[in-house]
């Protein structure tokens, strides 16, 4: 198995590869944290550092697969099977609400967006449960807002560079499918909103979350948490005249908390 990753997806591939007795190679960009490299190697993966961002690492990963007939490429986000896997979190939420789908009517689901795999899955899950009357907030940092920029322009775009401490969100271009599914959700009566925070807001959200819930998450996850922890974003997205529709947002607000592999107390303090 050959995968490209900013860290988290590579850990998933390494974990599965080890369980199946398969050789795993993970290509990561130069921005990958040493602690993530150590975790990948600890799982038995062959780690190769290449390029200034994930896109450069991904190009090499695909080239290596082309050169090896026995190799299989594993995308960190661009695969319908991954989206369906992510979509099961909506199944779990519905179950938590006593299995009553009507309890999700008017809900707001917040998730961080990098390449768009998680976003595709959330939208798939909402569609499967016939929950169009919901809002999805796609959270990013200003230096990695590939979805927000493309969503605003109404077409796929590629960022010039990634400039954020939330390196796990560092895809220069979001999946085209994320845009297609977002537009379909809106066409069916739902709402999709881009929420973009600063690195400082993402880090502040990580600190507040750790204080309240005793759980460490990295800035990529902090982007989603900042939607509620940042006074500016909360007012911008939920206040009168904000990006979300107050008449539609009558249900629960759900934050998808993910991405804790690239953080420790020392890093959080340094940020």
Protein backbone atom coordinates (compact mmCIF):
# COMPACT_ATOMS: atom_id res chain seq x y z
CA UNK A 1 0.00 0.00 0.00
CA UNK A 2 1.31 3.45 -0.90
CA UNK A 3 -0.38 6.52 0.55
CA UNK A 4 0.24 10.24 0.66
CA UNK A 5 -0.66 12.02 3.85
CA UNK A 6 -0.18 15.00 6.08
CA UNK A 7 -0.23 12.50 8.94
CA UNK A 8 -3.65 11.27 10.02
CA UNK A 9 -4.64 9.35 6.87
CA UNK A 10 -1.20 7.78 6.75
CA UNK A 11 -1.65 6.51 10.30
CA UNK A 12 -4.91 4.88 9.24
CA UNK A 13 -3.26 3.14 6.28
CA UNK A 14 -0.32 2.04 8.43
CA UNK A 15 -2.66 0.65 11.07
CA UNK A 16 -4.70 -1.35 8.54
CA UNK A 17 -1.61 -2.48 6.63
CA UNK A 18 -0.03 -3.81 9.81
CA UNK A 19 -3.23 -5.69 10.70
CA UNK A 20 -3.35 -7.27 7.25
CA UNK A 21 0.37 -8.03 7.07
CA UNK A 22 0.91 -5.72 4.10
CA UNK A 23 3.88 -3.51 3.33
CA UNK A 24 3.02 0.18 3.72
CA UNK A 25 4.81 3.23 2.39
CA UNK A 26 3.60 6.69 3.36
CA UNK A 27 4.79 9.79 1.50
CA UNK A 28 4.54 12.89 3.67
CA UNK A 29 5.44 16.55 3.06
CA UNK A 30 8.25 18.39 4.80
CA UNK A 31 5.74 20.06 7.13
CA UNK A 32 4.86 16.77 8.84
CA UNK A 33 5.58 16.87 12.57
CA UNK A 34 8.37 14.63 13.95
CA UNK A 35 5.97 12.99 16.42
CA UNK A 36 3.74 11.90 13.52
CA UNK A 37 6.75 10.49 11.66
CA UNK A 38 7.66 8.54 14.78
CA UNK A 39 4.12 7.14 15.06
CA UNK A 40 4.09 6.09 11.41
CA UNK A 41 7.42 4.30 11.73
CA UNK A 42 6.27 2.73 14.98
CA UNK A 43 3.44 1.10 13.03
CA UNK A 44 5.96 -0.37 10.62
CA UNK A 45 5.42 2.03 7.74
CA UNK A 46 8.23 3.03 5.42
CA UNK A 47 8.10 6.83 5.58
CA UNK A 48 9.44 9.07 2.84
CA UNK A 49 9.49 12.86 3.20
CA UNK A 50 8.96 14.73 -0.04
CA UNK A 51 7.78 18.18 -1.10
CA UNK A 52 6.67 21.39 0.57
CA UNK A 53 3.01 20.36 0.79
CA UNK A 54 0.73 17.33 0.57
CA UNK A 55 0.10 17.81 -3.17
CA UNK A 56 3.80 17.35 -3.93
CA UNK A 57 3.92 14.25 -1.74
CA UNK A 58 0.84 12.89 -3.50
CA UNK A 59 2.42 13.28 -6.94
CA UNK A 60 5.36 11.12 -5.84
CA UNK A 61 3.05 8.53 -4.25
CA UNK A 62 1.15 8.12 -7.52
CA UNK A 63 4.41 7.85 -9.49
CA UNK A 64 5.67 5.11 -7.18
CA UNK A 65 2.43 3.16 -7.64
CA UNK A 66 2.76 3.43 -11.42
CA UNK A 67 6.26 1.94 -11.19
CA UNK A 68 5.22 -1.04 -9.05
CA UNK A 69 2.68 -3.56 -10.37
CA UNK A 70 2.10 -4.94 -6.87
CA UNK A 71 1.41 -1.56 -5.29
CA UNK A 72 -2.00 -0.05 -4.61
CA UNK A 73 -2.57 3.68 -4.14
CA UNK A 74 -4.62 4.75 -1.11
CA UNK A 75 -5.93 8.30 -1.26
CA UNK A 76 -6.32 10.21 2.01
CA UNK A 77 -9.69 11.60 0.88
CA UNK A 78 -10.56 11.02 -2.78
CA UNK A 79 -12.43 7.72 -2.70
CA UNK A 80 -16.18 6.94 -2.44
CA UNK A 81 -15.45 4.12 0.03
CA UNK A 82 -13.87 6.63 2.39
CA UNK A 83 -16.87 8.93 2.06
CA UNK A 84 -19.26 6.12 2.90
CA UNK A 85 -17.13 5.28 5.92
CA UNK A 86 -17.26 8.88 7.09
CA UNK A 87 -21.01 8.97 6.45
CA UNK A 88 -21.62 6.47 9.24
CA UNK A 89 -21.00 9.22 11.79
CA UNK A 90 -24.44 10.56 10.80
CA UNK A 91 -25.82 7.05 11.52
CA UNK A 92 -24.27 7.25 14.98
CA UNK A 93 -25.66 10.72 15.65
CA UNK A 94 -29.16 9.63 14.66
CA UNK A 95 -28.79 6.62 16.98
CA UNK A 96 -27.67 8.92 19.80
CA UNK A 97 -30.85 10.90 19.27
CA UNK A 98 -32.88 7.76 20.03
CA UNK A 99 -32.93 6.73 16.40
CA UNK A 100 -35.42 9.44 15.51
CA UNK A 101 -34.33 11.15 12.30
CA UNK A 102 -36.77 13.98 12.97
CA UNK A 103 -34.51 14.96 15.88
CA UNK A 104 -31.90 15.97 13.31
CA UNK A 105 -34.24 18.34 11.45
CA UNK A 106 -32.76 21.82 11.62
CA UNK A 107 -29.42 20.50 12.86
CA UNK A 108 -26.08 22.14 12.17
CA UNK A 109 -23.06 19.90 11.59
CA UNK A 110 -19.60 21.48 11.79
CA UNK A 111 -16.50 19.77 10.41
CA UNK A 112 -13.00 20.77 9.42
CA UNK A 113 -12.24 20.47 5.71
CA UNK A 114 -8.90 19.59 4.13
CA UNK A 115 -9.28 17.56 0.96
CA UNK A 116 -13.00 17.19 1.49
CA UNK A 117 -13.40 13.49 2.27
CA UNK A 118 -15.07 14.02 5.64
CA UNK A 119 -17.34 16.69 4.17
CA UNK A 120 -18.39 14.34 1.36
CA UNK A 121 -19.20 11.68 3.93
CA UNK A 122 -21.28 13.98 6.12
CA UNK A 123 -23.31 15.13 3.14
CA UNK A 124 -23.77 11.51 2.04
CA UNK A 125 -25.00 10.53 5.49
CA UNK A 126 -27.49 13.40 5.63
CA UNK A 127 -28.78 12.44 2.21
CA UNK A 128 -29.12 8.76 3.16
CA UNK A 129 -31.22 9.70 6.17
CA UNK A 130 -33.31 12.14 4.11
CA UNK A 131 -32.18 15.13 6.16
CA UNK A 132 -31.98 17.99 3.66
CA UNK A 133 -33.22 20.54 6.21
CA UNK A 134 -29.80 20.78 7.83
CA UNK A 135 -26.83 23.13 7.74
CA UNK A 136 -23.24 22.00 7.25
CA UNK A 137 -20.45 24.40 8.20
CA UNK A 138 -17.18 23.64 6.40
CA UNK A 139 -14.41 24.97 8.65
CA UNK A 140 -10.92 25.89 7.45
CA UNK A 141 -8.04 28.18 8.33
CA UNK A 142 -7.27 31.21 6.18
CA UNK A 143 -4.07 29.69 4.82
CA UNK A 144 -5.74 26.49 3.62
CA UNK A 145 -9.24 27.58 2.57
CA UNK A 146 -9.41 25.54 -0.62
CA UNK A 147 -13.09 24.68 -0.13
CA UNK A 148 -14.18 28.15 0.95
CA UNK A 149 -12.44 29.81 -1.98
CA UNK A 150 -13.83 27.34 -4.52
CA UNK A 151 -17.30 27.43 -2.95
CA UNK A 152 -17.37 31.22 -3.17
CA UNK A 153 -16.31 31.16 -6.83
CA UNK A 154 -18.62 28.28 -7.67
CA UNK A 155 -15.92 26.20 -9.33
CA UNK A 156 -12.80 24.19 -8.47
CA UNK A 157 -9.71 26.26 -7.82
CA UNK A 158 -6.15 25.54 -6.73
CA UNK A 159 -4.49 27.62 -4.04
CA UNK A 160 -1.06 29.05 -4.76
CA UNK A 161 0.34 27.72 -1.49
CA UNK A 162 -0.54 26.41 1.95
CA UNK A 163 0.19 28.90 4.71
CA UNK A 164 -1.21 27.64 7.99
CA UNK A 165 -0.15 25.90 11.16
CA UNK A 166 -3.03 23.47 10.54
CA UNK A 167 -0.94 21.41 8.14
CA UNK A 168 -3.40 18.50 8.16
CA UNK A 169 -5.78 20.73 6.18
CA UNK A 170 -3.11 21.40 3.58
CA UNK A 171 -4.67 20.37 0.27
CA UNK A 172 -4.19 22.96 -2.46
CA UNK A 173 -7.45 21.87 -4.08
CA UNK A 174 -10.52 20.39 -2.44
CA UNK A 175 -12.21 17.37 -4.02
CA UNK A 176 -14.53 18.31 -6.88
CA UNK A 177 -17.06 15.92 -5.33
CA UNK A 178 -17.21 18.05 -2.18
CA UNK A 179 -18.39 21.00 -4.26
CA UNK A 180 -20.86 18.87 -6.21
CA UNK A 181 -22.35 17.38 -3.04
CA UNK A 182 -22.50 20.75 -1.31
CA UNK A 183 -24.44 22.22 -4.23
CA UNK A 184 -26.78 19.20 -4.23
CA UNK A 185 -27.45 19.62 -0.50
CA UNK A 186 -28.40 23.26 -1.08
CA UNK A 187 -30.56 22.34 -4.07
CA UNK A 188 -32.45 19.88 -1.86
CA UNK A 189 -33.28 22.59 0.67
CA UNK A 190 -30.26 22.42 2.96
CA UNK A 191 -27.49 24.89 3.60
CA UNK A 192 -23.71 24.72 3.34
CA UNK A 193 -21.63 27.53 4.81
CA UNK A 194 -17.91 28.21 4.70
CA UNK A 195 -16.40 29.15 8.06
CA UNK A 196 -12.82 30.41 7.87
CA UNK A 197 -10.79 31.14 10.99
CA UNK A 198 -7.28 32.40 11.64
CA UNK A 199 -4.54 30.14 12.97
CA UNK A 200 -4.76 32.01 16.27
CA UNK A 201 -8.49 31.29 16.54
CA UNK A 202 -7.91 27.60 15.77
CA UNK A 203 -5.20 27.33 18.42
CA UNK A 204 -7.28 29.21 20.98
CA UNK A 205 -10.13 26.78 20.34
CA UNK A 206 -7.76 23.84 20.96
CA UNK A 207 -6.71 25.33 24.30
CA UNK A 208 -10.30 25.99 25.40
CA UNK A 209 -11.38 22.51 24.34
CA UNK A 210 -8.50 20.95 26.28
CA UNK A 211 -9.44 22.99 29.34
CA UNK A 212 -13.11 22.02 29.18
CA UNK A 213 -12.89 18.42 27.98
CA UNK A 214 -9.33 17.31 28.89
CA UNK A 215 -8.65 16.26 25.32
CA UNK A 216 -5.82 17.43 23.06
CA UNK A 217 -6.58 18.08 19.39
CA UNK A 218 -4.47 19.68 16.69
CA UNK A 219 -5.18 23.02 14.95
CA UNK A 220 -6.80 21.27 11.98
CA UNK A 221 -9.52 20.18 14.38
CA UNK A 222 -9.40 23.57 16.09
CA UNK A 223 -10.75 25.13 12.89
CA UNK A 224 -14.04 23.34 13.46
CA UNK A 225 -14.08 24.09 17.18
CA UNK A 226 -13.40 27.78 16.46
CA UNK A 227 -16.86 28.04 14.89
CA UNK A 228 -18.23 28.01 18.45
CA UNK A 229 -15.25 29.11 20.56
CA UNK A 230 -14.45 32.21 18.51
CA UNK A 231 -16.77 35.10 19.37
CA UNK A 232 -16.19 36.55 15.91
CA UNK A 233 -17.07 33.40 14.03
CA UNK A 234 -19.99 32.50 16.27
CA UNK A 235 -21.56 35.90 15.66
CA UNK A 236 -20.67 35.81 11.96
CA UNK A 237 -22.20 32.39 11.39
CA UNK A 238 -25.02 32.23 13.92
CA UNK A 239 -25.88 35.87 14.63
CA UNK A 240 -28.61 37.85 12.93
CA UNK A 241 -27.76 38.15 9.26
CA UNK A 242 -25.09 35.46 9.62
CA UNK A 243 -24.22 32.78 7.12
CA UNK A 244 -26.63 30.24 8.57
CA UNK A 245 -30.40 30.50 8.34
CA UNK A 246 -31.75 31.10 11.85
CA UNK A 247 -35.16 29.74 10.85
CA UNK A 248 -33.54 26.50 9.71
CA UNK A 249 -31.17 26.08 12.67
CA UNK A 250 -33.66 24.81 15.20
CA UNK A 251 -32.00 21.48 15.95
CA UNK A 252 -28.80 20.36 17.66
CA UNK A 253 -25.37 21.80 16.81
CA UNK A 254 -22.85 19.01 16.25
CA UNK A 255 -19.09 19.48 16.07
CA UNK A 256 -17.06 16.67 14.51
CA UNK A 257 -13.95 16.55 16.74
CA UNK A 258 -11.10 14.83 14.91
CA UNK A 259 -7.36 14.98 14.47
CA UNK A 260 -5.34 14.49 17.62
CA UNK A 261 -2.32 12.62 16.30
CA UNK A 262 -0.12 15.67 15.69
CA UNK A 263 -0.33 17.43 19.03
CA UNK A 264 1.08 17.28 22.55
CA UNK A 265 1.32 19.72 25.44
CA UNK A 266 4.70 21.04 24.27
CA UNK A 267 3.39 21.83 20.78
CA UNK A 268 0.20 23.39 22.11
CA UNK A 269 2.24 25.62 24.41
CA UNK A 270 4.60 26.59 21.56
CA UNK A 271 1.69 27.51 19.26
